Amino acid sequence: MAYSRVNARGQTYYLHSREVALRNHRVQRIFFFAKTIKDGALDSLPAGYEVVENARTGLPVLRKRTRATANGG
């Protein structure tokens, strides 16, 4: 089952991951939320990341945990 997040507006989003090629030919993994389950859906949050919600759009966003939030302070 894909990791899901319900925002403040009651909409459900599913976490996905994809490998993309950058202009300098480096490959980088990106994380994104979508309203439907597609290829690349993840079952859980990656280690060291947390979900925050954009206050204006309601879209959930994945960000790296800071040292303060990781320690609970």
C-alpha atoms as a PDB file:
ATOM      1  CA  MET A   1       0.000   0.000   0.000  1.00  0.00           C
ATOM      2  CA  ALA A   2       1.374   3.391  -0.984  1.00  0.00           C
ATOM      3  CA  TYR A   3       2.150   5.992   1.687  1.00  0.00           C
ATOM      4  CA  SER A   4      -0.747   8.453   1.779  1.00  0.00           C
ATOM      5  CA  ARG A   5      -1.277  11.849   3.358  1.00  0.00           C
ATOM      6  CA  VAL A   6      -4.578  13.684   3.823  1.00  0.00           C
ATOM      7  CA  ASN A   7      -4.199  17.468   3.762  1.00  0.00           C
ATOM      8  CA  ALA A   8      -6.221  20.020   5.732  1.00  0.00           C
ATOM      9  CA  ARG A   9      -8.749  20.213   2.872  1.00  0.00           C
ATOM     10  CA  GLY A  10      -9.466  16.487   3.042  1.00  0.00           C
ATOM     11  CA  GLN A  11      -7.670  15.556  -0.198  1.00  0.00           C
ATOM     12  CA  THR A  12      -5.543  12.384  -0.253  1.00  0.00           C
ATOM     13  CA  TYR A  13      -2.080  12.427  -1.838  1.00  0.00           C
ATOM     14  CA  TYR A  14       0.295   9.480  -2.431  1.00  0.00           C
ATOM     15  CA  LEU A  15       4.099   9.613  -2.189  1.00  0.00           C
ATOM     16  CA  HIS A  16       6.155   8.703  -5.283  1.00  0.00           C
ATOM     17  CA  SER A  17       9.827   8.560  -6.217  1.00  0.00           C
ATOM     18  CA  ARG A  18      11.539   8.793  -9.590  1.00  0.00           C
ATOM     19  CA  GLU A  19      15.102   8.889 -10.935  1.00  0.00           C
ATOM     20  CA  VAL A  20      15.667  11.870 -13.246  1.00  0.00           C
ATOM     21  CA  ALA A  21      18.658  12.789 -15.402  1.00  0.00           C
ATOM     22  CA  LEU A  22      19.927  16.324 -14.856  1.00  0.00           C
ATOM     23  CA  ARG A  23      21.509  18.505 -17.545  1.00  0.00           C
ATOM     24  CA  ASN A  24      24.994  17.595 -16.364  1.00  0.00           C
ATOM     25  CA  HIS A  25      24.066  13.895 -16.901  1.00  0.00           C
ATOM     26  CA  ARG A  26      23.919  13.233 -13.174  1.00  0.00           C
ATOM     27  CA  VAL A  27      21.042  11.057 -11.993  1.00  0.00           C
ATOM     28  CA  GLN A  28      19.082  12.262  -8.985  1.00  0.00           C
ATOM     29  CA  ARG A  29      16.132  10.800  -7.079  1.00  0.00           C
ATOM     30  CA  ILE A  30      13.142  13.081  -6.629  1.00  0.00           C
ATOM     31  CA  PHE A  31      10.130  12.648  -4.345  1.00  0.00           C
ATOM     32  CA  PHE A  32       6.667  13.995  -5.127  1.00  0.00           C
ATOM     33  CA  PHE A  33       3.028  13.614  -4.122  1.00  0.00           C
ATOM     34  CA  ALA A  34       0.217  12.797  -6.571  1.00  0.00           C
ATOM     35  CA  LYS A  35      -3.547  12.403  -6.206  1.00  0.00           C
ATOM     36  CA  THR A  36      -3.483   8.911  -7.766  1.00  0.00           C
ATOM     37  CA  ILE A  37      -1.192   5.921  -7.289  1.00  0.00           C
ATOM     38  CA  LYS A  38       1.220   5.636 -10.250  1.00  0.00           C
ATOM     39  CA  ASP A  39       4.466   3.812 -11.032  1.00  0.00           C
ATOM     40  CA  GLY A  40       7.087   4.559  -8.402  1.00  0.00           C
ATOM     41  CA  ALA A  41       4.711   4.778  -5.428  1.00  0.00           C
ATOM     42  CA  LEU A  42       6.496   4.345  -2.077  1.00  0.00           C
ATOM     43  CA  ASP A  43       5.212   2.324   0.874  1.00  0.00           C
ATOM     44  CA  SER A  44       6.793   4.526   3.546  1.00  0.00           C
ATOM     45  CA  LEU A  45       8.603   7.801   4.132  1.00  0.00           C
ATOM     46  CA  PRO A  46      12.331   7.738   3.350  1.00  0.00           C
ATOM     47  CA  ALA A  47      14.579   7.906   6.421  1.00  0.00           C
ATOM     48  CA  GLY A  48      15.452  11.454   7.458  1.00  0.00           C
ATOM     49  CA  TYR A  49      12.467  13.117   5.758  1.00  0.00           C
ATOM     50  CA  GLU A  50       9.223  14.638   7.026  1.00  0.00           C
ATOM     51  CA  VAL A  51       6.006  15.840   5.394  1.00  0.00           C
ATOM     52  CA  VAL A  52       4.924  19.483   5.585  1.00  0.00           C
ATOM     53  CA  GLU A  53       1.943  21.099   3.920  1.00  0.00           C
ATOM     54  CA  ASN A  54       2.074  24.215   1.767  1.00  0.00           C
ATOM     55  CA  ALA A  55      -0.228  26.660   3.565  1.00  0.00           C
ATOM     56  CA  ARG A  56      -1.430  28.349   0.364  1.00  0.00           C
ATOM     57  CA  THR A  57      -2.045  25.348  -1.914  1.00  0.00           C
ATOM     58  CA  GLY A  58      -2.509  22.513   0.584  1.00  0.00           C
ATOM     59  CA  LEU A  59      -0.043  20.329  -1.345  1.00  0.00           C
ATOM     60  CA  PRO A  60       2.087  18.085   0.893  1.00  0.00           C
ATOM     61  CA  VAL A  61       5.838  18.422   0.389  1.00  0.00           C
ATOM     62  CA  LEU A  62       8.666  16.158   1.513  1.00  0.00           C
ATOM     63  CA  ARG A  63      11.637  17.841   3.170  1.00  0.00           C
ATOM     64  CA  LYS A  64      14.743  16.711   4.991  1.00  0.00           C
ATOM     65  CA  ARG A  65      14.483  16.851   8.751  1.00  0.00           C
ATOM     66  CA  THR A  66      16.569  19.484  10.420  1.00  0.00           C
ATOM     67  CA  ARG A  67      18.645  18.701  13.450  1.00  0.00           C
ATOM     68  CA  ALA A  68      16.162  20.544  15.719  1.00  0.00           C
ATOM     69  CA  THR A  69      13.115  18.584  14.499  1.00  0.00           C
ATOM     70  CA  ALA A  70      14.975  15.284  14.535  1.00  0.00           C
ATOM     71  CA  ASN A  71      15.829  15.779  18.219  1.00  0.00           C
ATOM     72  CA  GLY A  72      12.302  16.814  19.128  1.00  0.00           C
ATOM     73  CA  GLY A  73      13.149  20.443  19.867  1.00  0.00           C
END
